[in-house]
């Protein structure tokens, strides 16, 4: 099942106890196939960034997608 990045963020923030900021608002409505097999946050973001052609940074509990 595909979900938008906006929907996925609502799951990821409490799950990984992080705050996610998206600088490019166009990314929020893109669809991703979200598979929750309990990967690390970095692993999950690597997969999504490859599919969604975005970059990200993780600094402590702050994740920025751009």
PDB file of N, CA and C in Angstrom:
ATOM      1  N   UNK A   1       0.839  -1.189   0.000  1.00  0.00           N
ATOM      2  CA  UNK A   1       0.000   0.000   0.000  1.00  0.00           C
ATOM      3  C   UNK A   1       0.880   1.247   0.000  1.00  0.00           C
ATOM      4  N   UNK A   2       0.548   2.172  -0.859  1.00  0.00           N
ATOM      5  CA  UNK A   2       1.304   3.411  -0.960  1.00  0.00           C
ATOM      6  C   UNK A   2       0.732   4.448  -0.009  1.00  0.00           C
ATOM      7  N   UNK A   3       1.628   5.255   0.560  1.00  0.00           N
ATOM      8  CA  UNK A   3       1.227   6.343   1.434  1.00  0.00           C
ATOM      9  C   UNK A   3       2.045   7.568   1.060  1.00  0.00           C
ATOM     10  N   UNK A   4       1.493   8.744   1.353  1.00  0.00           N
ATOM     11  CA  UNK A   4       2.251   9.960   1.088  1.00  0.00           C
ATOM     12  C   UNK A   4       3.320  10.127   2.170  1.00  0.00           C
ATOM     13  N   UNK A   5       4.330  10.916   1.847  1.00  0.00           N
ATOM     14  CA  UNK A   5       5.367  11.210   2.831  1.00  0.00           C
ATOM     15  C   UNK A   5       4.754  11.868   4.055  1.00  0.00           C
ATOM     16  N   UNK A   6       3.745  12.702   3.857  1.00  0.00           N
ATOM     17  CA  UNK A   6       3.038  13.359   4.965  1.00  0.00           C
ATOM     18  C   UNK A   6       2.478  12.306   5.941  1.00  0.00           C
ATOM     19  N   UNK A   7       1.849  11.255   5.405  1.00  0.00           N
ATOM     20  CA  UNK A   7       1.282  10.187   6.244  1.00  0.00           C
ATOM     21  C   UNK A   7       2.385   9.379   6.929  1.00  0.00           C
ATOM     22  N   UNK A   8       3.446   9.110   6.209  1.00  0.00           N
ATOM     23  CA  UNK A   8       4.547   8.308   6.751  1.00  0.00           C
ATOM     24  C   UNK A   8       5.228   9.039   7.900  1.00  0.00           C
ATOM     25  N   UNK A   9       5.390  10.350   7.761  1.00  0.00           N
ATOM     26  CA  UNK A   9       6.020  11.139   8.829  1.00  0.00           C
ATOM     27  C   UNK A   9       5.237  11.016  10.129  1.00  0.00           C
ATOM     28  N   UNK A  10       3.915  10.996  10.040  1.00  0.00           N
ATOM     29  CA  UNK A  10       3.074  10.870  11.248  1.00  0.00           C
ATOM     30  C   UNK A  10       3.355   9.567  11.991  1.00  0.00           C
ATOM     31  N   UNK A  11       3.772   8.537  11.270  1.00  0.00           N
ATOM     32  CA  UNK A  11       4.118   7.247  11.873  1.00  0.00           C
ATOM     33  C   UNK A  11       5.562   7.261  12.380  1.00  0.00           C
ATOM     34  N   UNK A  12       6.470   7.819  11.572  1.00  0.00           N
ATOM     35  CA  UNK A  12       7.892   7.768  11.903  1.00  0.00           C
ATOM     36  C   UNK A  12       8.263   8.609  13.119  1.00  0.00           C
ATOM     37  N   UNK A  13       7.666   9.780  13.257  1.00  0.00           N
ATOM     38  CA  UNK A  13       8.052  10.666  14.363  1.00  0.00           C
ATOM     39  C   UNK A  13       7.888  10.008  15.734  1.00  0.00           C
ATOM     40  N   UNK A  14       6.708   9.480  16.065  1.00  0.00           N
ATOM     41  CA  UNK A  14       6.601   8.827  17.382  1.00  0.00           C
ATOM     42  C   UNK A  14       7.359   7.500  17.454  1.00  0.00           C
ATOM     43  N   UNK A  15       7.423   6.790  16.336  1.00  0.00           N
ATOM     44  CA  UNK A  15       8.062   5.480  16.310  1.00  0.00           C
ATOM     45  C   UNK A  15       9.554   5.587  16.641  1.00  0.00           C
ATOM     46  N   UNK A  16      10.215   6.570  16.012  1.00  0.00           N
ATOM     47  CA  UNK A  16      11.654   6.739  16.222  1.00  0.00           C
ATOM     48  C   UNK A  16      11.986   7.882  17.186  1.00  0.00           C
ATOM     49  N   UNK A  17      10.949   8.523  17.743  1.00  0.00           N
ATOM     50  CA  UNK A  17      11.122   9.637  18.680  1.00  0.00           C
ATOM     51  C   UNK A  17      11.997  10.728  18.069  1.00  0.00           C
ATOM     52  N   UNK A  18      11.586  11.189  16.883  1.00  0.00           N
ATOM     53  CA  UNK A  18      12.315  12.249  16.175  1.00  0.00           C
ATOM     54  C   UNK A  18      11.327  13.314  15.711  1.00  0.00           C
ATOM     55  N   UNK A  19      11.868  14.455  15.328  1.00  0.00           N
ATOM     56  CA  UNK A  19      11.091  15.520  14.700  1.00  0.00           C
ATOM     57  C   UNK A  19      11.564  15.611  13.248  1.00  0.00           C
ATOM     58  N   UNK A  20      10.633  15.499  12.314  1.00  0.00           N
ATOM     59  CA  UNK A  20      10.987  15.505  10.892  1.00  0.00           C
ATOM     60  C   UNK A  20      10.490  16.791  10.248  1.00  0.00           C
ATOM     61  N   UNK A  21      11.412  17.511   9.618  1.00  0.00           N
ATOM     62  CA  UNK A  21      11.097  18.741   8.897  1.00  0.00           C
ATOM     63  C   UNK A  21      11.340  18.493   7.415  1.00  0.00           C
ATOM     64  N   UNK A  22      10.382  18.897   6.588  1.00  0.00           N
ATOM     65  CA  UNK A  22      10.529  18.751   5.138  1.00  0.00           C
ATOM     66  C   UNK A  22      10.642  20.145   4.536  1.00  0.00           C
ATOM     67  N   UNK A  23      11.800  20.450   3.965  1.00  0.00           N
ATOM     68  CA  UNK A  23      12.019  21.784   3.395  1.00  0.00           C
ATOM     69  C   UNK A  23      11.350  21.937   2.043  1.00  0.00           C
ATOM     70  N   UNK A  24      11.334  20.885   1.242  1.00  0.00           N
ATOM     71  CA  UNK A  24      10.686  20.924  -0.068  1.00  0.00           C
ATOM     72  C   UNK A  24       9.271  20.372   0.099  1.00  0.00           C
ATOM     73  N   UNK A  25       8.297  21.261   0.227  1.00  0.00           N
ATOM     74  CA  UNK A  25       6.916  20.855   0.530  1.00  0.00           C
ATOM     75  C   UNK A  25       6.301  19.977  -0.569  1.00  0.00           C
ATOM     76  N   UNK A  26       6.846  20.029  -1.786  1.00  0.00           N
ATOM     77  CA  UNK A  26       6.325  19.178  -2.865  1.00  0.00           C
ATOM     78  C   UNK A  26       6.513  17.697  -2.541  1.00  0.00           C
ATOM     79  N   UNK A  27       7.517  17.388  -1.739  1.00  0.00           N
ATOM     80  CA  UNK A  27       7.779  15.990  -1.381  1.00  0.00           C
ATOM     81  C   UNK A  27       6.675  15.395  -0.515  1.00  0.00           C
ATOM     82  N   UNK A  28       5.964  16.224   0.227  1.00  0.00           N
ATOM     83  CA  UNK A  28       4.973  15.733   1.193  1.00  0.00           C
ATOM     84  C   UNK A  28       3.851  14.917   0.560  1.00  0.00           C
ATOM     85  N   UNK A  29       3.497  15.217  -0.674  1.00  0.00           N
ATOM     86  CA  UNK A  29       2.377  14.528  -1.316  1.00  0.00           C
ATOM     87  C   UNK A  29       2.815  13.427  -2.273  1.00  0.00           C
ATOM     88  N   UNK A  30       4.113  13.131  -2.300  1.00  0.00           N
ATOM     89  CA  UNK A  30       4.581  11.999  -3.114  1.00  0.00           C
ATOM     90  C   UNK A  30       4.258  10.695  -2.396  1.00  0.00           C
ATOM     91  N   UNK A  31       3.985   9.670  -3.190  1.00  0.00           N
ATOM     92  CA  UNK A  31       3.637   8.361  -2.633  1.00  0.00           C
ATOM     93  C   UNK A  31       4.862   7.465  -2.507  1.00  0.00           C
ATOM     94  N   UNK A  32       4.875   6.731  -1.415  1.00  0.00           N
ATOM     95  CA  UNK A  32       5.936   5.762  -1.147  1.00  0.00           C
ATOM     96  C   UNK A  32       5.299   4.472  -0.677  1.00  0.00           C
ATOM     97  N   UNK A  33       5.952   3.381  -0.973  1.00  0.00           N
ATOM     98  CA  UNK A  33       5.505   2.100  -0.436  1.00  0.00           C
ATOM     99  C   UNK A  33       6.217   1.945   0.901  1.00  0.00           C
ATOM    100  N   UNK A  34       5.457   2.005   1.953  1.00  0.00           N
ATOM    101  CA  UNK A  34       5.996   2.008   3.304  1.00  0.00           C
ATOM    102  C   UNK A  34       5.940   0.604   3.868  1.00  0.00           C
ATOM    103  N   UNK A  35       7.107   0.004   4.061  1.00  0.00           N
ATOM    104  CA  UNK A  35       7.180  -1.346   4.609  1.00  0.00           C
ATOM    105  C   UNK A  35       7.792  -1.257   6.006  1.00  0.00           C
ATOM    106  N   UNK A  36       7.022  -1.605   6.997  1.00  0.00           N
ATOM    107  CA  UNK A  36       7.461  -1.452   8.385  1.00  0.00           C
ATOM    108  C   UNK A  36       7.974  -2.777   8.940  1.00  0.00           C
ATOM    109  N   UNK A  37       9.160  -3.171   8.504  1.00  0.00           N
ATOM    110  CA  UNK A  37       9.751  -4.398   9.056  1.00  0.00           C
ATOM    111  C   UNK A  37      10.796  -4.042  10.114  1.00  0.00           C
ATOM    112  N   UNK A  38      10.612  -2.879  10.744  1.00  0.00           N
ATOM    113  CA  UNK A  38      11.440  -2.398  11.843  1.00  0.00           C
ATOM    114  C   UNK A  38      12.894  -2.120  11.460  1.00  0.00           C
ATOM    115  N   UNK A  39      13.127  -1.457  10.338  1.00  0.00           N
ATOM    116  CA  UNK A  39      14.508  -1.097   9.996  1.00  0.00           C
ATOM    117  C   UNK A  39      14.967   0.081  10.845  1.00  0.00           C
ATOM    118  N   UNK A  40      16.248   0.343  10.822  1.00  0.00           N
ATOM    119  CA  UNK A  40      16.726   1.553  11.498  1.00  0.00           C
ATOM    120  C   UNK A  40      16.192   2.752  10.728  1.00  0.00           C
ATOM    121  N   UNK A  41      16.128   3.886  11.397  1.00  0.00           N
ATOM    122  CA  UNK A  41      15.643   5.102  10.749  1.00  0.00           C
ATOM    123  C   UNK A  41      16.527   5.445   9.554  1.00  0.00           C
ATOM    124  N   UNK A  42      17.835   5.335   9.720  1.00  0.00           N
ATOM    125  CA  UNK A  42      18.760   5.660   8.622  1.00  0.00           C
ATOM    126  C   UNK A  42      18.521   4.740   7.426  1.00  0.00           C
ATOM    127  N   UNK A  43      18.346   3.457   7.677  1.00  0.00           N
ATOM    128  CA  UNK A  43      18.099   2.498   6.603  1.00  0.00           C
ATOM    129  C   UNK A  43      16.807   2.837   5.856  1.00  0.00           C
ATOM    130  N   UNK A  44      15.766   3.152   6.608  1.00  0.00           N
ATOM    131  CA  UNK A  44      14.479   3.501   6.002  1.00  0.00           C
ATOM    132  C   UNK A  44      14.604   4.765   5.162  1.00  0.00           C
ATOM    133  N   UNK A  45      15.271   5.787   5.698  1.00  0.00           N
ATOM    134  CA  UNK A  45      15.439   7.034   4.950  1.00  0.00           C
ATOM    135  C   UNK A  45      16.301   6.836   3.711  1.00  0.00           C
ATOM    136  N   UNK A  46      17.287   5.962   3.798  1.00  0.00           N
ATOM    137  CA  UNK A  46      18.117   5.665   2.623  1.00  0.00           C
ATOM    138  C   UNK A  46      17.250   5.120   1.493  1.00  0.00           C
ATOM    139  N   UNK A  47      16.389   4.155   1.810  1.00  0.00           N
ATOM    140  CA  UNK A  47      15.517   3.550   0.796  1.00  0.00           C
ATOM    141  C   UNK A  47      14.561   4.588   0.214  1.00  0.00           C
ATOM    142  N   UNK A  48      13.930   5.364   1.100  1.00  0.00           N
ATOM    143  CA  UNK A  48      12.956   6.347   0.643  1.00  0.00           C
ATOM    144  C   UNK A  48      13.618   7.460  -0.168  1.00  0.00           C
ATOM    145  N   UNK A  49      14.817   7.888   0.250  1.00  0.00           N
ATOM    146  CA  UNK A  49      15.486   8.977  -0.472  1.00  0.00           C
ATOM    147  C   UNK A  49      15.908   8.519  -1.863  1.00  0.00           C
ATOM    148  N   UNK A  50      16.278   7.254  -1.986  1.00  0.00           N
ATOM    149  CA  UNK A  50      16.637   6.721  -3.296  1.00  0.00           C
ATOM    150  C   UNK A  50      15.409   6.725  -4.216  1.00  0.00           C
ATOM    151  N   UNK A  51      14.273   6.248  -3.699  1.00  0.00           N
ATOM    152  CA  UNK A  51      13.043   6.197  -4.497  1.00  0.00           C
ATOM    153  C   UNK A  51      12.500   7.596  -4.773  1.00  0.00           C
ATOM    154  N   UNK A  52      12.581   8.463  -3.774  1.00  0.00           N
ATOM    155  CA  UNK A  52      11.944   9.769  -3.877  1.00  0.00           C
ATOM    156  C   UNK A  52      12.842  10.879  -4.344  1.00  0.00           C
ATOM    157  N   UNK A  53      14.119  10.545  -4.603  1.00  0.00           N
ATOM    158  CA  UNK A  53      15.074  11.541  -5.107  1.00  0.00           C
ATOM    159  C   UNK A  53      15.168  12.751  -4.178  1.00  0.00           C
ATOM    160  N   UNK A  54      15.297  12.492  -2.877  1.00  0.00           N
ATOM    161  CA  UNK A  54      15.540  13.583  -1.950  1.00  0.00           C
ATOM    162  C   UNK A  54      16.754  13.265  -1.094  1.00  0.00           C
ATOM    163  N   UNK A  55      17.239  14.277  -0.391  1.00  0.00           N
ATOM    164  CA  UNK A  55      18.346  14.087   0.531  1.00  0.00           C
ATOM    165  C   UNK A  55      17.855  14.385   1.935  1.00  0.00           C
ATOM    166  N   UNK A  56      18.622  13.972   2.912  1.00  0.00           N
ATOM    167  CA  UNK A  56      18.202  14.184   4.298  1.00  0.00           C
ATOM    168  C   UNK A  56      19.430  14.284   5.195  1.00  0.00           C
ATOM    169  N   UNK A  57      19.211  14.851   6.369  1.00  0.00           N
ATOM    170  CA  UNK A  57      20.233  14.853   7.406  1.00  0.00           C
ATOM    171  C   UNK A  57      19.583  14.397   8.697  1.00  0.00           C
ATOM    172  N   UNK A  58      20.376  13.755   9.547  1.00  0.00           N
ATOM    173  CA  UNK A  58      19.923  13.366  10.884  1.00  0.00           C
ATOM    174  C   UNK A  58      20.897  13.986  11.865  1.00  0.00           C
ATOM    175  N   UNK A  59      20.379  14.851  12.715  1.00  0.00           N
ATOM    176  CA  UNK A  59      21.199  15.484  13.751  1.00  0.00           C
ATOM    177  C   UNK A  59      20.494  15.278  15.081  1.00  0.00           C
ATOM    178  N   UNK A  60      20.934  14.280  15.818  1.00  0.00           N
ATOM    179  CA  UNK A  60      20.259  13.952  17.074  1.00  0.00           C
ATOM    180  C   UNK A  60      18.849  13.483  16.792  1.00  0.00           C
ATOM    181  N   UNK A  61      17.869  14.189  17.352  1.00  0.00           N
ATOM    182  CA  UNK A  61      16.458  13.827  17.147  1.00  0.00           C
ATOM    183  C   UNK A  61      15.795  14.662  16.060  1.00  0.00           C
ATOM    184  N   UNK A  62      16.593  15.424  15.324  1.00  0.00           N
ATOM    185  CA  UNK A  62      16.066  16.255  14.240  1.00  0.00           C
ATOM    186  C   UNK A  62      16.438  15.655  12.891  1.00  0.00           C
ATOM    187  N   UNK A  63      15.417  15.371  12.088  1.00  0.00           N
ATOM    188  CA  UNK A  63      15.617  14.878  10.724  1.00  0.00           C
ATOM    189  C   UNK A  63      15.122  15.968   9.769  1.00  0.00           C
ATOM    190  N   UNK A  64      15.965  16.317   8.805  1.00  0.00           N
ATOM    191  CA  UNK A  64      15.570  17.300   7.803  1.00  0.00           C
ATOM    192  C   UNK A  64      15.618  16.635   6.435  1.00  0.00           C
ATOM    193  N   UNK A  65      14.511  16.734   5.707  1.00  0.00           N
ATOM    194  CA  UNK A  65      14.402  16.188   4.355  1.00  0.00           C
ATOM    195  C   UNK A  65      14.369  17.373   3.409  1.00  0.00           C
ATOM    196  N   UNK A  66      15.210  17.310   2.355  1.00  0.00           N
ATOM    197  CA  UNK A  66      15.259  18.415   1.398  1.00  0.00           C
ATOM    198  C   UNK A  66      15.536  17.909  -0.008  1.00  0.00           C
TER     199      UNK A  66
END
